[in-house]
Amino acid sequence: MLSSSSTGTDTTALLKTATTVMVFGDSLSSSYGIPSEAGWVNLLKKRLQIQSSSYQVINASVSGETTLGGRNNIEQALKNHRPNIVIIELGANDGLRGLSTKSAYENLESIIKVCQRNQITVLLVGMRLPPNYGITYTKQFQDIYLQLAKYHRLRLVPFLLENFGDKPEYFQEDGLHPNTQAQEKILENVWKELHLLI
């Protein structure tokens, strides 16, 4: 009896300490144009599992996803994967299409609120646009992430492509998607904030 009870307790303890991280993003996180095993999300999975086998990393990213798509899909993604931490990496496609920054803010805020209602920790990942989109729009776009992080008291990765976003050698031929060499740099940018939540 004692042995059986002890085993049950240990199993419960293991379940309670297991941590699932879900990356909820677009092509910048879905390994677009490169092997999936080379992508930063897979590199994150390897890093966490070296620390502990109790870590799981789920990549729920979809190429071409917008903040509206994320808003429509977040509840199902949470139901399917039951994460403890969600890394929200969305908005680049809104910005590249010149969509309303107000709508992007509202969509991201809705995603954040759904996560928080489910007692899930959120790490928000910021994006920036090239200067050719104009000073006003690029500032408004960057401010989306700063304002959301401040208002909802979230940890923020200021810019996913920090330290290499202006260097062509780290991008594929389309000039938009990071290549294999850039994935470790992306991981380090995310890790600076994520490790404080783990």
Protein backbone atom coordinates (compact mmCIF):
# COMPACT_ATOMS: atom_id res chain seq x y z
CA MET A 1 0.00 0.00 0.00
CA LEU A 2 2.75 2.42 0.95
CA SER A 3 4.65 1.69 -2.23
CA SER A 4 1.55 2.18 -4.40
CA SER A 5 0.60 5.42 -2.65
CA SER A 6 4.12 6.75 -2.96
CA THR A 7 4.20 5.99 -6.68
CA GLY A 8 0.92 7.80 -7.19
CA THR A 9 2.21 10.86 -5.37
CA ASP A 10 5.38 10.88 -7.45
CA THR A 11 3.38 10.70 -10.67
CA THR A 12 1.17 13.57 -9.56
CA ALA A 13 4.23 15.61 -8.65
CA LEU A 14 5.76 14.98 -12.07
CA LEU A 15 2.57 16.06 -13.81
CA LYS A 16 2.43 19.23 -11.76
CA THR A 17 6.02 20.16 -12.53
CA ALA A 18 5.82 19.45 -16.28
CA THR A 19 5.98 22.69 -18.28
CA THR A 20 4.65 23.06 -21.81
CA VAL A 21 5.75 26.06 -23.87
CA MET A 22 3.65 26.83 -26.94
CA VAL A 23 5.00 29.10 -29.68
CA PHE A 24 2.07 30.85 -31.35
CA GLY A 25 3.49 32.62 -34.36
CA ASP A 26 3.81 32.97 -38.11
CA SER A 27 6.42 31.97 -40.71
CA LEU A 28 9.21 33.50 -38.62
CA SER A 29 8.62 30.70 -36.14
CA SER A 30 7.33 27.92 -38.41
CA SER A 31 10.73 27.24 -40.05
CA TYR A 32 9.63 28.67 -43.39
CA GLY A 33 12.13 27.81 -46.11
CA ILE A 34 14.47 25.85 -43.85
CA PRO A 35 14.41 22.34 -42.32
CA SER A 36 12.13 22.27 -39.27
CA GLU A 37 14.88 20.80 -37.11
CA ALA A 38 17.02 23.88 -37.84
CA GLY A 39 14.35 26.36 -36.74
CA TRP A 40 14.68 28.36 -33.53
CA VAL A 41 11.66 26.66 -31.95
CA ASN A 42 13.30 23.26 -32.33
CA LEU A 43 16.55 24.70 -30.98
CA LEU A 44 14.57 25.95 -27.98
CA LYS A 45 13.11 22.49 -27.48
CA LYS A 46 16.59 20.96 -27.44
CA ARG A 47 17.87 23.55 -24.98
CA LEU A 48 15.00 23.06 -22.55
CA GLN A 49 15.12 19.28 -22.70
CA ILE A 50 18.80 19.35 -21.83
CA GLN A 51 17.75 21.12 -18.64
CA SER A 52 14.86 18.76 -17.88
CA SER A 53 12.83 16.10 -19.68
CA SER A 54 9.71 17.63 -18.11
CA TYR A 55 9.80 20.51 -20.63
CA GLN A 56 7.70 20.26 -23.76
CA VAL A 57 7.73 22.72 -26.66
CA ILE A 58 4.80 22.89 -29.07
CA ASN A 59 5.09 24.85 -32.31
CA ALA A 60 1.60 26.11 -33.15
CA SER A 61 2.92 28.63 -35.69
CA VAL A 62 1.34 29.02 -39.12
CA SER A 63 3.02 30.63 -42.13
CA GLY A 64 1.14 33.72 -43.25
CA GLU A 65 -0.74 34.06 -39.97
CA THR A 66 -2.01 37.50 -39.00
CA THR A 67 -3.07 38.79 -35.60
CA LEU A 68 -6.70 38.28 -36.64
CA GLY A 69 -5.99 34.65 -37.55
CA GLY A 70 -4.28 34.20 -34.20
CA ARG A 71 -7.25 35.73 -32.42
CA ASN A 72 -9.58 33.30 -34.15
CA ASN A 73 -7.39 30.27 -33.42
CA ILE A 74 -6.01 30.83 -29.93
CA GLU A 75 -8.78 29.13 -27.95
CA GLN A 76 -8.56 25.94 -30.00
CA ALA A 77 -4.77 25.94 -29.76
CA LEU A 78 -4.94 26.23 -25.97
CA LYS A 79 -7.52 23.45 -25.82
CA ASN A 80 -5.38 21.18 -28.00
CA HIS A 81 -2.03 21.74 -26.30
CA ARG A 82 -2.78 23.00 -22.74
CA PRO A 83 0.41 25.06 -22.42
CA ASN A 84 1.76 26.72 -19.28
CA ILE A 85 3.59 29.42 -21.26
CA VAL A 86 2.62 30.93 -24.62
CA ILE A 87 5.12 32.84 -26.74
CA ILE A 88 3.07 35.17 -28.95
CA GLU A 89 4.99 36.02 -32.14
CA LEU A 90 2.48 37.67 -34.44
CA GLY A 91 2.05 40.95 -36.27
CA ALA A 92 4.71 40.89 -38.99
CA ASN A 93 2.18 40.02 -41.68
CA ASP A 94 -0.16 42.77 -40.51
CA GLY A 95 2.66 45.27 -40.74
CA LEU A 96 3.94 44.15 -44.14
CA ARG A 97 0.40 44.47 -45.51
CA GLY A 98 -0.01 47.92 -43.98
CA LEU A 99 -3.01 46.82 -41.92
CA SER A 100 -4.47 48.94 -39.14
CA THR A 101 -2.24 49.14 -36.07
CA LYS A 102 -5.39 49.62 -33.97
CA SER A 103 -6.77 46.29 -35.20
CA ALA A 104 -3.44 44.55 -34.63
CA TYR A 105 -3.35 45.92 -31.07
CA GLU A 106 -6.91 44.75 -30.38
CA ASN A 107 -6.27 41.30 -31.85
CA LEU A 108 -3.10 40.77 -29.86
CA GLU A 109 -4.79 42.03 -26.72
CA SER A 110 -7.60 39.54 -27.24
CA ILE A 111 -5.06 36.70 -27.54
CA ILE A 112 -3.32 37.86 -24.37
CA LYS A 113 -6.60 38.05 -22.44
CA VAL A 114 -7.63 34.54 -23.49
CA CYS A 115 -4.28 33.23 -22.23
CA GLN A 116 -4.54 35.13 -18.96
CA ARG A 117 -8.09 33.93 -18.34
CA ASN A 118 -6.68 30.42 -18.58
CA GLN A 119 -3.87 31.31 -16.14
CA ILE A 120 -1.23 30.93 -18.83
CA THR A 121 1.97 32.97 -18.70
CA VAL A 122 2.54 35.08 -21.82
CA LEU A 123 5.81 36.15 -23.42
CA LEU A 124 5.17 38.77 -26.08
CA VAL A 125 7.55 39.03 -29.04
CA GLY A 126 7.86 42.39 -30.75
CA MET A 127 8.44 43.10 -34.41
CA ARG A 128 9.64 46.15 -36.31
CA LEU A 129 9.13 47.24 -39.90
CA PRO A 130 11.61 48.48 -42.50
CA PRO A 131 11.89 52.30 -42.69
CA ASN A 132 10.27 52.41 -46.14
CA TYR A 133 6.88 51.99 -44.43
CA GLY A 134 7.19 55.55 -43.14
CA ILE A 135 8.17 57.00 -39.78
CA THR A 136 4.62 57.35 -38.44
CA TYR A 137 3.42 53.84 -39.29
CA THR A 138 6.64 52.10 -38.21
CA LYS A 139 6.56 53.88 -34.82
CA GLN A 140 2.87 53.09 -34.30
CA PHE A 141 3.58 49.47 -35.18
CA GLN A 142 6.53 49.17 -32.78
CA ASP A 143 4.49 50.84 -30.03
CA ILE A 144 1.82 48.10 -30.22
CA TYR A 145 4.12 45.70 -28.39
CA LEU A 146 5.53 48.22 -25.93
CA GLN A 147 2.06 49.36 -24.90
CA LEU A 148 0.62 45.86 -24.58
CA ALA A 149 3.56 44.66 -22.52
CA LYS A 150 3.31 47.65 -20.20
CA TYR A 151 -0.47 47.54 -19.77
CA HIS A 152 -0.67 43.78 -19.23
CA ARG A 153 2.63 43.55 -17.33
CA LEU A 154 4.18 41.07 -19.73
CA ARG A 155 7.78 40.21 -20.41
CA LEU A 156 8.65 41.47 -23.88
CA VAL A 157 11.20 40.45 -26.47
CA PRO A 158 11.55 43.94 -28.03
CA PHE A 159 12.47 42.70 -31.52
CA LEU A 160 12.67 39.09 -32.69
CA LEU A 161 15.37 39.94 -35.23
CA GLU A 162 17.49 42.09 -32.91
CA ASN A 163 21.19 42.41 -33.85
CA PHE A 164 20.81 41.01 -37.37
CA GLY A 165 17.59 42.36 -38.90
CA ASP A 166 19.57 44.74 -41.13
CA LYS A 167 22.11 42.14 -42.31
CA PRO A 168 21.18 40.47 -45.64
CA GLU A 169 23.51 37.51 -45.02
CA TYR A 170 21.12 36.21 -42.35
CA PHE A 171 18.10 36.10 -44.66
CA GLN A 172 16.80 33.88 -47.40
CA GLU A 173 16.56 35.13 -50.98
CA ASP A 174 13.21 36.81 -50.32
CA GLY A 175 14.91 39.16 -47.85
CA LEU A 176 12.13 38.55 -45.31
CA HIS A 177 12.67 35.15 -43.76
CA PRO A 178 15.74 34.38 -41.63
CA ASN A 179 17.99 31.60 -42.90
CA THR A 180 19.45 28.70 -40.96
CA GLN A 181 22.39 30.76 -39.71
CA ALA A 182 20.00 33.25 -38.08
CA GLN A 183 18.05 30.74 -36.01
CA GLU A 184 20.49 30.61 -33.09
CA LYS A 185 20.40 34.41 -32.94
CA ILE A 186 16.60 34.36 -32.79
CA LEU A 187 16.73 31.80 -30.01
CA GLU A 188 19.09 33.98 -27.98
CA ASN A 189 16.80 36.99 -28.39
CA VAL A 190 13.85 34.98 -27.09
CA TRP A 191 15.85 33.24 -24.38
CA LYS A 192 16.87 36.54 -22.76
CA GLU A 193 13.27 36.92 -21.58
CA LEU A 194 11.97 33.35 -21.61
CA HIS A 195 14.51 32.01 -19.12
CA LEU A 196 13.09 34.41 -16.54
CA LEU A 197 9.70 32.69 -16.84
CA ILE A 198 10.89 29.09 -16.77
